[in-house]
Amino acid sequence: MMKRKVDEEFLDLLTKVQQIESVQKDKEFYDLISLAADKIQKGANSDIEIMRLGSFINKYLVSNPSQELVDLQLFMQKRANRYKGWLNVTGWFS
């Protein structure tokens, strides 16, 4: 149940970013966000999508700051840190 809530929150944030005018004008970035949203809707692991999108969001945020992007970046950073933590713990026990 928790995973579904995280996915819904991530999708909501991605949708808000897609609605930003500057994002809509940047086809490459818009397509990247759309692809991530499509993958999540089809059941892909949101933590992996977050890791994949992280650097792109950070770079885009520098040149096109908006509250929606800040919210997405903060959510992604929190989830990425949690995911990296689990990878470290499982790697340590291997």
Foldseek 3Di string as FASTA:
>chain_A
DVQVVLLVVLLVLLVVVLPDPVCVVVVVNNVLSVVLSVCSVVPDRNLVSLVVCQVVLVVVCVVDPDPSSVVNNVSSVVSNVVVVVVVVVVVVVD
